[in-house]
Amino acid sequence: MGKFEIKKDASGHFRFNLKATNGQVILNSEVYRQKPSCVNGIESVRKNSQDDANFDRKDADGNYRFKLRATSTLIIGVSKSYNTSAAMENGIASVKKNAPNADLEDNS
């Protein structure tokens, strides 16, 4: 099972990563000023990751990445860069599979 990790940066802001079962980061969050907002972002990923329409796929000069949007169109997570469209689609499938039941690890 995947997991969400909450981290606090040097400036006191929070962010989370969603990791697949192999430990690879598959989604990075935006920066949040407060921890409850970060936790709300995780809940938004759990909910919105199940609708394929919420994934924006981008191809820029052979670099593929995706953004996950809430139904309000706010960006709630971004992927790393992939070399192929197929690898990007595998990343999206991994977010869909892991996000709903991922454990939460608070490292803040």
PDB file of N, CA and C in Angstrom:
ATOM      1  N   MET A   1       0.848  -1.178   0.000  1.00  0.00           N
ATOM      2  CA  MET A   1       0.000   0.000   0.000  1.00  0.00           C
ATOM      3  C   MET A   1       0.892   1.239   0.000  1.00  0.00           C
ATOM      4  N   GLY A   2       0.461   2.273  -0.684  1.00  0.00           N
ATOM      5  CA  GLY A   2       1.193   3.530  -0.729  1.00  0.00           C
ATOM      6  C   GLY A   2       1.033   4.312   0.561  1.00  0.00           C
ATOM      7  N   LYS A   3       1.723   5.449   0.621  1.00  0.00           N
ATOM      8  CA  LYS A   3       1.576   6.286   1.810  1.00  0.00           C
ATOM      9  C   LYS A   3       1.793   7.751   1.462  1.00  0.00           C
ATOM     10  N   PHE A   4       1.118   8.581   2.222  1.00  0.00           N
ATOM     11  CA  PHE A   4       1.331  10.017   2.180  1.00  0.00           C
ATOM     12  C   PHE A   4       2.334  10.362   3.272  1.00  0.00           C
ATOM     13  N   GLU A   5       3.281  11.222   2.956  1.00  0.00           N
ATOM     14  CA  GLU A   5       4.238  11.710   3.942  1.00  0.00           C
ATOM     15  C   GLU A   5       4.118  13.224   4.047  1.00  0.00           C
ATOM     16  N   ILE A   6       3.903  13.700   5.255  1.00  0.00           N
ATOM     17  CA  ILE A   6       3.876  15.143   5.503  1.00  0.00           C
ATOM     18  C   ILE A   6       5.255  15.560   5.999  1.00  0.00           C
ATOM     19  N   LYS A   7       5.766  16.650   5.429  1.00  0.00           N
ATOM     20  CA  LYS A   7       7.063  17.190   5.841  1.00  0.00           C
ATOM     21  C   LYS A   7       6.931  18.682   6.095  1.00  0.00           C
ATOM     22  N   LYS A   8       7.773  19.179   6.972  1.00  0.00           N
ATOM     23  CA  LYS A   8       7.842  20.602   7.278  1.00  0.00           C
ATOM     24  C   LYS A   8       9.190  21.112   6.788  1.00  0.00           C
ATOM     25  N   ASP A   9       9.187  22.211   6.010  1.00  0.00           N
ATOM     26  CA  ASP A   9      10.445  22.726   5.486  1.00  0.00           C
ATOM     27  C   ASP A   9      11.090  23.728   6.450  1.00  0.00           C
ATOM     28  N   ALA A  10      12.245  24.230   6.075  1.00  0.00           N
ATOM     29  CA  ALA A  10      13.013  25.126   6.941  1.00  0.00           C
ATOM     30  C   ALA A  10      12.276  26.430   7.243  1.00  0.00           C
ATOM     31  N   SER A  11      11.363  26.828   6.368  1.00  0.00           N
ATOM     32  CA  SER A  11      10.616  28.064   6.587  1.00  0.00           C
ATOM     33  C   SER A  11       9.335  27.835   7.398  1.00  0.00           C
ATOM     34  N   GLY A  12       9.102  26.586   7.823  1.00  0.00           N
ATOM     35  CA  GLY A  12       7.936  26.285   8.647  1.00  0.00           C
ATOM     36  C   GLY A  12       6.684  25.930   7.862  1.00  0.00           C
ATOM     37  N   HIS A  13       6.809  25.772   6.550  1.00  0.00           N
ATOM     38  CA  HIS A  13       5.671  25.399   5.715  1.00  0.00           C
ATOM     39  C   HIS A  13       5.596  23.887   5.562  1.00  0.00           C
ATOM     40  N   PHE A  14       4.422  23.417   5.178  1.00  0.00           N
ATOM     41  CA  PHE A  14       4.164  21.988   5.069  1.00  0.00           C
ATOM     42  C   PHE A  14       3.927  21.598   3.615  1.00  0.00           C
ATOM     43  N   ARG A  15       4.259  20.362   3.314  1.00  0.00           N
ATOM     44  CA  ARG A  15       3.942  19.759   2.020  1.00  0.00           C
ATOM     45  C   ARG A  15       3.828  18.263   2.214  1.00  0.00           C
ATOM     46  N   PHE A  16       3.246  17.593   1.234  1.00  0.00           N
ATOM     47  CA  PHE A  16       3.161  16.133   1.308  1.00  0.00           C
ATOM     48  C   PHE A  16       3.585  15.522  -0.005  1.00  0.00           C
ATOM     49  N   ASN A  17       4.005  14.288   0.082  1.00  0.00           N
ATOM     50  CA  ASN A  17       4.299  13.455  -1.072  1.00  0.00           C
ATOM     51  C   ASN A  17       3.436  12.214  -0.968  1.00  0.00           C
ATOM     52  N   LEU A  18       3.006  11.715  -2.109  1.00  0.00           N
ATOM     53  CA  LEU A  18       2.369  10.400  -2.172  1.00  0.00           C
ATOM     54  C   LEU A  18       3.406   9.450  -2.739  1.00  0.00           C
ATOM     55  N   LYS A  19       3.664   8.372  -2.003  1.00  0.00           N
ATOM     56  CA  LYS A  19       4.626   7.369  -2.440  1.00  0.00           C
ATOM     57  C   LYS A  19       3.909   6.073  -2.782  1.00  0.00           C
ATOM     58  N   ALA A  20       4.392   5.419  -3.827  1.00  0.00           N
ATOM     59  CA  ALA A  20       3.871   4.106  -4.211  1.00  0.00           C
ATOM     60  C   ALA A  20       4.416   3.060  -3.242  1.00  0.00           C
ATOM     61  N   THR A  21       3.945   1.844  -3.378  1.00  0.00           N
ATOM     62  CA  THR A  21       4.376   0.768  -2.483  1.00  0.00           C
ATOM     63  C   THR A  21       5.879   0.507  -2.565  1.00  0.00           C
ATOM     64  N   ASN A  22       6.511   0.853  -3.688  1.00  0.00           N
ATOM     65  CA  ASN A  22       7.954   0.660  -3.831  1.00  0.00           C
ATOM     66  C   ASN A  22       8.762   1.830  -3.255  1.00  0.00           C
ATOM     67  N   GLY A  23       8.071   2.822  -2.668  1.00  0.00           N
ATOM     68  CA  GLY A  23       8.743   3.967  -2.054  1.00  0.00           C
ATOM     69  C   GLY A  23       8.987   5.135  -2.986  1.00  0.00           C
ATOM     70  N   GLN A  24       8.668   4.984  -4.252  1.00  0.00           N
ATOM     71  CA  GLN A  24       8.880   6.050  -5.227  1.00  0.00           C
ATOM     72  C   GLN A  24       7.818   7.135  -5.076  1.00  0.00           C
ATOM     73  N   VAL A  25       8.249   8.398  -5.084  1.00  0.00           N
ATOM     74  CA  VAL A  25       7.308   9.521  -5.022  1.00  0.00           C
ATOM     75  C   VAL A  25       6.569   9.610  -6.347  1.00  0.00           C
ATOM     76  N   ILE A  26       5.240   9.605  -6.273  1.00  0.00           N
ATOM     77  CA  ILE A  26       4.434   9.678  -7.491  1.00  0.00           C
ATOM     78  C   ILE A  26       3.624  10.967  -7.581  1.00  0.00           C
ATOM     79  N   LEU A  27       3.576  11.737  -6.495  1.00  0.00           N
ATOM     80  CA  LEU A  27       2.855  13.006  -6.519  1.00  0.00           C
ATOM     81  C   LEU A  27       3.405  13.911  -5.420  1.00  0.00           C
ATOM     82  N   ASN A  28       3.681  15.164  -5.781  1.00  0.00           N
ATOM     83  CA  ASN A  28       4.146  16.186  -4.837  1.00  0.00           C
ATOM     84  C   ASN A  28       3.061  17.235  -4.676  1.00  0.00           C
ATOM     85  N   SER A  29       2.920  17.739  -3.461  1.00  0.00           N
ATOM     86  CA  SER A  29       1.898  18.756  -3.211  1.00  0.00           C
ATOM     87  C   SER A  29       2.461  20.160  -3.393  1.00  0.00           C
ATOM     88  N   GLU A  30       1.551  21.095  -3.309  1.00  0.00           N
ATOM     89  CA  GLU A  30       1.927  22.493  -3.203  1.00  0.00           C
ATOM     90  C   GLU A  30       2.410  22.741  -1.777  1.00  0.00           C
ATOM     91  N   VAL A  31       2.803  23.961  -1.485  1.00  0.00           N
ATOM     92  CA  VAL A  31       3.231  24.337  -0.139  1.00  0.00           C
ATOM     93  C   VAL A  31       2.026  24.869   0.631  1.00  0.00           C
ATOM     94  N   TYR A  32       1.909  24.442   1.872  1.00  0.00           N
ATOM     95  CA  TYR A  32       0.828  24.877   2.749  1.00  0.00           C
ATOM     96  C   TYR A  32       1.423  25.612   3.946  1.00  0.00           C
ATOM     97  N   ARG A  33       0.773  26.663   4.382  1.00  0.00           N
ATOM     98  CA  ARG A  33       1.255  27.418   5.542  1.00  0.00           C
ATOM     99  C   ARG A  33       0.932  26.725   6.854  1.00  0.00           C
ATOM    100  N   GLN A  34      -0.151  25.967   6.869  1.00  0.00           N
ATOM    101  CA  GLN A  34      -0.584  25.313   8.103  1.00  0.00           C
ATOM    102  C   GLN A  34      -0.815  23.825   7.861  1.00  0.00           C
ATOM    103  N   LYS A  35      -0.536  23.040   8.877  1.00  0.00           N
ATOM    104  CA  LYS A  35      -0.664  21.589   8.772  1.00  0.00           C
ATOM    105  C   LYS A  35      -2.096  21.136   8.475  1.00  0.00           C
ATOM    106  N   PRO A  36      -3.127  21.708   9.108  1.00  0.00           N
ATOM    107  CA  PRO A  36      -4.489  21.260   8.766  1.00  0.00           C
ATOM    108  C   PRO A  36      -4.818  21.448   7.283  1.00  0.00           C
ATOM    109  N   SER A  37      -4.293  22.492   6.676  1.00  0.00           N
ATOM    110  CA  SER A  37      -4.510  22.700   5.238  1.00  0.00           C
ATOM    111  C   SER A  37      -3.813  21.612   4.427  1.00  0.00           C
ATOM    112  N   CYS A  38      -2.641  21.199   4.882  1.00  0.00           N
ATOM    113  CA  CYS A  38      -1.908  20.115   4.224  1.00  0.00           C
ATOM    114  C   CYS A  38      -2.705  18.812   4.307  1.00  0.00           C
ATOM    115  N   VAL A  39      -3.252  18.523   5.472  1.00  0.00           N
ATOM    116  CA  VAL A  39      -4.067  17.314   5.653  1.00  0.00           C
ATOM    117  C   VAL A  39      -5.310  17.387   4.758  1.00  0.00           C
ATOM    118  N   ASN A  40      -5.912  18.566   4.643  1.00  0.00           N
ATOM    119  CA  ASN A  40      -7.054  18.734   3.741  1.00  0.00           C
ATOM    120  C   ASN A  40      -6.646  18.470   2.292  1.00  0.00           C
ATOM    121  N   GLY A  41      -5.430  18.871   1.931  1.00  0.00           N
ATOM    122  CA  GLY A  41      -4.917  18.597   0.586  1.00  0.00           C
ATOM    123  C   GLY A  41      -4.817  17.103   0.324  1.00  0.00           C
ATOM    124  N   ILE A  42      -4.375  16.344   1.320  1.00  0.00           N
ATOM    125  CA  ILE A  42      -4.289  14.888   1.190  1.00  0.00           C
ATOM    126  C   ILE A  42      -5.678  14.301   0.970  1.00  0.00           C
ATOM    127  N   GLU A  43      -6.639  14.763   1.738  1.00  0.00           N
ATOM    128  CA  GLU A  43      -8.013  14.266   1.569  1.00  0.00           C
ATOM    129  C   GLU A  43      -8.558  14.611   0.181  1.00  0.00           C
ATOM    130  N   SER A  44      -8.172  15.758  -0.330  1.00  0.00           N
ATOM    131  CA  SER A  44      -8.588  16.148  -1.678  1.00  0.00           C
ATOM    132  C   SER A  44      -7.970  15.225  -2.730  1.00  0.00           C
ATOM    133  N   VAL A  45      -6.711  14.824  -2.530  1.00  0.00           N
ATOM    134  CA  VAL A  45      -6.078  13.870  -3.454  1.00  0.00           C
ATOM    135  C   VAL A  45      -6.808  12.534  -3.393  1.00  0.00           C
ATOM    136  N   ARG A  46      -7.103  12.065  -2.200  1.00  0.00           N
ATOM    137  CA  ARG A  46      -7.829  10.792  -2.061  1.00  0.00           C
ATOM    138  C   ARG A  46      -9.114  10.813  -2.892  1.00  0.00           C
ATOM    139  N   LYS A  47      -9.849  11.897  -2.785  1.00  0.00           N
ATOM    140  CA  LYS A  47     -11.149  12.027  -3.453  1.00  0.00           C
ATOM    141  C   LYS A  47     -11.002  12.271  -4.960  1.00  0.00           C
ATOM    142  N   ASN A  48     -10.200  13.247  -5.328  1.00  0.00           N
ATOM    143  CA  ASN A  48     -10.149  13.682  -6.723  1.00  0.00           C
ATOM    144  C   ASN A  48      -9.306  12.804  -7.638  1.00  0.00           C
ATOM    145  N   SER A  49      -8.478  11.942  -7.054  1.00  0.00           N
ATOM    146  CA  SER A  49      -7.633  11.076  -7.882  1.00  0.00           C
ATOM    147  C   SER A  49      -8.427   9.970  -8.573  1.00  0.00           C
ATOM    148  N   GLN A  50      -9.654   9.789  -8.186  1.00  0.00           N
ATOM    149  CA  GLN A  50     -10.437   8.704  -8.777  1.00  0.00           C
ATOM    150  C   GLN A  50     -11.170   9.106 -10.051  1.00  0.00           C
ATOM    151  N   ASP A  51     -11.112  10.374 -10.406  1.00  0.00           N
ATOM    152  CA  ASP A  51     -11.765  10.873 -11.625  1.00  0.00           C
ATOM    153  C   ASP A  51     -10.691  11.254 -12.640  1.00  0.00           C
ATOM    154  N   ASP A  52     -10.597  10.502 -13.720  1.00  0.00           N
ATOM    155  CA  ASP A  52      -9.560  10.735 -14.732  1.00  0.00           C
ATOM    156  C   ASP A  52      -9.602  12.151 -15.293  1.00  0.00           C
ATOM    157  N   ALA A  53     -10.759  12.779 -15.287  1.00  0.00           N
ATOM    158  CA  ALA A  53     -10.900  14.137 -15.820  1.00  0.00           C
ATOM    159  C   ALA A  53     -10.124  15.156 -14.983  1.00  0.00           C
ATOM    160  N   ASN A  54      -9.743  14.795 -13.754  1.00  0.00           N
ATOM    161  CA  ASN A  54      -9.010  15.718 -12.886  1.00  0.00           C
ATOM    162  C   ASN A  54      -7.500  15.698 -13.132  1.00  0.00           C
ATOM    163  N   PHE A  55      -7.037  14.858 -14.050  1.00  0.00           N
ATOM    164  CA  PHE A  55      -5.616  14.797 -14.375  1.00  0.00           C
ATOM    165  C   PHE A  55      -5.346  15.587 -15.654  1.00  0.00           C
ATOM    166  N   ASP A  56      -4.472  16.573 -15.543  1.00  0.00           N
ATOM    167  CA  ASP A  56      -4.016  17.329 -16.713  1.00  0.00           C
ATOM    168  C   ASP A  56      -2.703  16.720 -17.175  1.00  0.00           C
ATOM    169  N   ARG A  57      -2.684  16.233 -18.387  1.00  0.00           N
ATOM    170  CA  ARG A  57      -1.478  15.628 -18.955  1.00  0.00           C
ATOM    171  C   ARG A  57      -0.770  16.654 -19.820  1.00  0.00           C
ATOM    172  N   LYS A  58       0.545  16.746 -19.652  1.00  0.00           N
ATOM    173  CA  LYS A  58       1.337  17.726 -20.407  1.00  0.00           C
ATOM    174  C   LYS A  58       2.515  17.042 -21.074  1.00  0.00           C
ATOM    175  N   ASP A  59       2.808  17.475 -22.301  1.00  0.00           N
ATOM    176  CA  ASP A  59       3.989  17.025 -23.029  1.00  0.00           C
ATOM    177  C   ASP A  59       4.728  18.275 -23.466  1.00  0.00           C
ATOM    178  N   ALA A  60       5.899  18.486 -22.896  1.00  0.00           N
ATOM    179  CA  ALA A  60       6.716  19.646 -23.265  1.00  0.00           C
ATOM    180  C   ALA A  60       8.090  19.148 -23.699  1.00  0.00           C
ATOM    181  N   ASP A  61       8.298  19.129 -24.992  1.00  0.00           N
ATOM    182  CA  ASP A  61       9.598  18.733 -25.549  1.00  0.00           C
ATOM    183  C   ASP A  61      10.050  17.353 -25.069  1.00  0.00           C
ATOM    184  N   GLY A  62       9.141  16.394 -25.069  1.00  0.00           N
ATOM    185  CA  GLY A  62       9.485  15.040 -24.687  1.00  0.00           C
ATOM    186  C   GLY A  62       9.522  14.792 -23.200  1.00  0.00           C
ATOM    187  N   ASN A  63       9.143  15.768 -22.413  1.00  0.00           N
ATOM    188  CA  ASN A  63       9.026  15.599 -20.965  1.00  0.00           C
ATOM    189  C   ASN A  63       7.552  15.554 -20.621  1.00  0.00           C
ATOM    190  N   TYR A  64       7.134  14.445 -20.068  1.00  0.00           N
ATOM    191  CA  TYR A  64       5.732  14.238 -19.760  1.00  0.00           C
ATOM    192  C   TYR A  64       5.524  14.376 -18.258  1.00  0.00           C
ATOM    193  N   ARG A  65       4.495  15.107 -17.885  1.00  0.00           N
ATOM    194  CA  ARG A  65       4.123  15.209 -16.476  1.00  0.00           C
ATOM    195  C   ARG A  65       2.627  15.432 -16.383  1.00  0.00           C
ATOM    196  N   PHE A  66       2.129  15.229 -15.188  1.00  0.00           N
ATOM    197  CA  PHE A  66       0.703  15.464 -14.985  1.00  0.00           C
ATOM    198  C   PHE A  66       0.489  16.286 -13.729  1.00  0.00           C
ATOM    199  N   LYS A  67      -0.657  16.938 -13.699  1.00  0.00           N
ATOM    200  CA  LYS A  67      -1.115  17.673 -12.527  1.00  0.00           C
ATOM    201  C   LYS A  67      -2.470  17.108 -12.148  1.00  0.00           C
ATOM    202  N   LEU A  68      -2.689  16.999 -10.851  1.00  0.00           N
ATOM    203  CA  LEU A  68      -3.995  16.573 -10.352  1.00  0.00           C
ATOM    204  C   LEU A  68      -4.718  17.804  -9.854  1.00  0.00           C
ATOM    205  N   ARG A  69      -5.917  17.994 -10.345  1.00  0.00           N
ATOM    206  CA  ARG A  69      -6.722  19.152  -9.952  1.00  0.00           C
ATOM    207  C   ARG A  69      -7.927  18.703  -9.134  1.00  0.00           C
ATOM    208  N   ALA A  70      -8.308  19.566  -8.204  1.00  0.00           N
ATOM    209  CA  ALA A  70      -9.572  19.369  -7.495  1.00  0.00           C
ATOM    210  C   ALA A  70     -10.692  19.787  -8.436  1.00  0.00           C
ATOM    211  N   THR A  71     -11.893  19.425  -8.114  1.00  0.00           N
ATOM    212  CA  THR A  71     -13.018  19.805  -8.969  1.00  0.00           C
ATOM    213  C   THR A  71     -13.158  21.317  -9.063  1.00  0.00           C
ATOM    214  N   SER A  72     -12.551  22.037  -8.122  1.00  0.00           N
ATOM    215  CA  SER A  72     -12.569  23.501  -8.174  1.00  0.00           C
ATOM    216  C   SER A  72     -11.502  24.044  -9.116  1.00  0.00           C
ATOM    217  N   THR A  73     -10.769  23.175  -9.769  1.00  0.00           N
ATOM    218  CA  THR A  73      -9.676  23.454 -10.704  1.00  0.00           C
ATOM    219  C   THR A  73      -8.368  23.858 -10.034  1.00  0.00           C
ATOM    220  N   LEU A  74      -8.300  23.858  -8.707  1.00  0.00           N
ATOM    221  CA  LEU A  74      -7.045  24.129  -8.018  1.00  0.00           C
ATOM    222  C   LEU A  74      -6.107  22.939  -8.179  1.00  0.00           C
ATOM    223  N   ILE A  75      -4.829  23.208  -8.402  1.00  0.00           N
ATOM    224  CA  ILE A  75      -3.836  22.144  -8.501  1.00  0.00           C
ATOM    225  C   ILE A  75      -3.527  21.643  -7.093  1.00  0.00           C
ATOM    226  N   ILE A  76      -3.663  20.332  -6.892  1.00  0.00           N
ATOM    227  CA  ILE A  76      -3.399  19.760  -5.572  1.00  0.00           C
ATOM    228  C   ILE A  76      -2.183  18.843  -5.575  1.00  0.00           C
ATOM    229  N   GLY A  77      -1.643  18.556  -6.740  1.00  0.00           N
ATOM    230  CA  GLY A  77      -0.443  17.732  -6.812  1.00  0.00           C
ATOM    231  C   GLY A  77       0.130  17.718  -8.210  1.00  0.00           C
ATOM    232  N   VAL A  78       1.452  17.528  -8.275  1.00  0.00           N
ATOM    233  CA  VAL A  78       2.145  17.443  -9.564  1.00  0.00           C
ATOM    234  C   VAL A  78       3.069  16.234  -9.552  1.00  0.00           C
ATOM    235  N   SER A  79       3.313  15.705 -10.716  1.00  0.00           N
ATOM    236  CA  SER A  79       4.176  14.532 -10.848  1.00  0.00           C
ATOM    237  C   SER A  79       5.607  14.958 -11.151  1.00  0.00           C
ATOM    238  N   LYS A  80       6.468  13.968 -11.140  1.00  0.00           N
ATOM    239  CA  LYS A  80       7.823  14.175 -11.636  1.00  0.00           C
ATOM    240  C   LYS A  80       7.752  14.182 -13.159  1.00  0.00           C
ATOM    241  N   SER A  81       8.866  14.359 -13.806  1.00  0.00           N
ATOM    242  CA  SER A  81       8.948  14.324 -15.256  1.00  0.00           C
ATOM    243  C   SER A  81       9.191  12.886 -15.716  1.00  0.00           C
ATOM    244  N   TYR A  82       8.470  12.471 -16.751  1.00  0.00           N
ATOM    245  CA  TYR A  82       8.613  11.124 -17.313  1.00  0.00           C
ATOM    246  C   TYR A  82       9.167  11.233 -18.723  1.00  0.00           C
ATOM    247  N   ASN A  83       9.840  10.177 -19.186  1.00  0.00           N
ATOM    248  CA  ASN A  83      10.426  10.175 -20.523  1.00  0.00           C
ATOM    249  C   ASN A  83       9.439   9.812 -21.615  1.00  0.00           C
ATOM    250  N   THR A  84       8.374   9.105 -21.249  1.00  0.00           N
ATOM    251  CA  THR A  84       7.395   8.680 -22.250  1.00  0.00           C
ATOM    252  C   THR A  84       5.978   8.922 -21.742  1.00  0.00           C
ATOM    253  N   SER A  85       5.079   8.999 -22.680  1.00  0.00           N
ATOM    254  CA  SER A  85       3.670   9.144 -22.345  1.00  0.00           C
ATOM    255  C   SER A  85       3.173   7.915 -21.585  1.00  0.00           C
ATOM    256  N   ALA A  86       3.643   6.734 -21.986  1.00  0.00           N
ATOM    257  CA  ALA A  86       3.222   5.501 -21.314  1.00  0.00           C
ATOM    258  C   ALA A  86       3.666   5.496 -19.847  1.00  0.00           C
ATOM    259  N   ALA A  87       4.869   5.962 -19.570  1.00  0.00           N
ATOM    260  CA  ALA A  87       5.356   6.025 -18.189  1.00  0.00           C
ATOM    261  C   ALA A  87       4.516   7.006 -17.376  1.00  0.00           C
ATOM    262  N   MET A  88       4.133   8.125 -17.989  1.00  0.00           N
ATOM    263  CA  MET A  88       3.273   9.093 -17.315  1.00  0.00           C
ATOM    264  C   MET A  88       1.925   8.457 -16.983  1.00  0.00           C
ATOM    265  N   GLU A  89       1.353   7.725 -17.918  1.00  0.00           N
ATOM    266  CA  GLU A  89       0.073   7.059 -17.682  1.00  0.00           C
ATOM    267  C   GLU A  89       0.195   6.031 -16.561  1.00  0.00           C
ATOM    268  N   ASN A  90       1.343   5.357 -16.478  1.00  0.00           N
ATOM    269  CA  ASN A  90       1.570   4.431 -15.365  1.00  0.00           C
ATOM    270  C   ASN A  90       1.608   5.179 -14.041  1.00  0.00           C
ATOM    271  N   GLY A  91       2.188   6.379 -14.035  1.00  0.00           N
ATOM    272  CA  GLY A  91       2.209   7.211 -12.837  1.00  0.00           C
ATOM    273  C   GLY A  91       0.805   7.602 -12.405  1.00  0.00           C
ATOM    274  N   ILE A  92      -0.023   7.977 -13.358  1.00  0.00           N
ATOM    275  CA  ILE A  92      -1.419   8.326 -13.058  1.00  0.00           C
ATOM    276  C   ILE A  92      -2.155   7.115 -12.488  1.00  0.00           C
ATOM    277  N   ALA A  93      -1.954   5.960 -13.106  1.00  0.00           N
ATOM    278  CA  ALA A  93      -2.596   4.730 -12.614  1.00  0.00           C
ATOM    279  C   ALA A  93      -2.152   4.424 -11.182  1.00  0.00           C
ATOM    280  N   SER A  94      -0.893   4.693 -10.884  1.00  0.00           N
ATOM    281  CA  SER A  94      -0.380   4.448  -9.538  1.00  0.00           C
ATOM    282  C   SER A  94      -1.006   5.394  -8.519  1.00  0.00           C
ATOM    283  N   VAL A  95      -1.205   6.648  -8.899  1.00  0.00           N
ATOM    284  CA  VAL A  95      -1.880   7.601  -8.005  1.00  0.00           C
ATOM    285  C   VAL A  95      -3.308   7.128  -7.749  1.00  0.00           C
ATOM    286  N   LYS A  96      -4.005   6.739  -8.801  1.00  0.00           N
ATOM    287  CA  LYS A  96      -5.385   6.261  -8.653  1.00  0.00           C
ATOM    288  C   LYS A  96      -5.468   5.042  -7.736  1.00  0.00           C
ATOM    289  N   LYS A  97      -4.488   4.155  -7.857  1.00  0.00           N
ATOM    290  CA  LYS A  97      -4.483   2.923  -7.065  1.00  0.00           C
ATOM    291  C   LYS A  97      -4.103   3.194  -5.610  1.00  0.00           C
ATOM    292  N   ASN A  98      -3.092   4.015  -5.387  1.00  0.00           N
ATOM    293  CA  ASN A  98      -2.531   4.182  -4.046  1.00  0.00           C
ATOM    294  C   ASN A  98      -3.217   5.229  -3.177  1.00  0.00           C
ATOM    295  N   ALA A  99      -3.711   6.293  -3.772  1.00  0.00           N
ATOM    296  CA  ALA A  99      -4.204   7.430  -2.979  1.00  0.00           C
ATOM    297  C   ALA A  99      -5.379   7.110  -2.053  1.00  0.00           C
ATOM    298  N   PRO A 100      -6.396   6.399  -2.492  1.00  0.00           N
ATOM    299  CA  PRO A 100      -7.580   6.255  -1.646  1.00  0.00           C
ATOM    300  C   PRO A 100      -7.329   5.642  -0.277  1.00  0.00           C
ATOM    301  N   ASN A 101      -6.438   4.664  -0.179  1.00  0.00           N
ATOM    302  CA  ASN A 101      -6.228   3.960   1.084  1.00  0.00           C
ATOM    303  C   ASN A 101      -4.815   4.089   1.624  1.00  0.00           C
ATOM    304  N   ALA A 102      -4.075   5.050   1.111  1.00  0.00           N
ATOM    305  CA  ALA A 102      -2.687   5.223   1.553  1.00  0.00           C
ATOM    306  C   ALA A 102      -2.626   5.621   3.020  1.00  0.00           C
ATOM    307  N   ASP A 103      -1.651   5.060   3.718  1.00  0.00           N
ATOM    308  CA  ASP A 103      -1.398   5.437   5.094  1.00  0.00           C
ATOM    309  C   ASP A 103      -0.890   6.877   5.128  1.00  0.00           C
ATOM    310  N   LEU A 104      -0.931   7.474   6.307  1.00  0.00           N
ATOM    311  CA  LEU A 104      -0.429   8.829   6.497  1.00  0.00           C
ATOM    312  C   LEU A 104       0.716   8.776   7.504  1.00  0.00           C
ATOM    313  N   GLU A 105       1.877   9.256   7.064  1.00  0.00           N
ATOM    314  CA  GLU A 105       3.059   9.330   7.921  1.00  0.00           C
ATOM    315  C   GLU A 105       3.422  10.795   8.111  1.00  0.00           C
ATOM    316  N   ASP A 106       3.371  11.248   9.350  1.00  0.00           N
ATOM    317  CA  ASP A 106       3.643  12.649   9.658  1.00  0.00           C
ATOM    318  C   ASP A 106       5.090  12.802  10.103  1.00  0.00           C
ATOM    319  N   ASN A 107       5.907  13.370   9.241  1.00  0.00           N
ATOM    320  CA  ASN A 107       7.324  13.605   9.539  1.00  0.00           C
ATOM    321  C   ASN A 107       7.601  15.075   9.788  1.00  0.00           C
ATOM    322  N   SER A 108       6.568  15.810  10.152  1.00  0.00           N
ATOM    323  CA  SER A 108       6.762  17.240  10.395  1.00  0.00           C
ATOM    324  C   SER A 108       7.187  17.410  11.812  1.00  0.00           C
TER     325      SER A 108
END
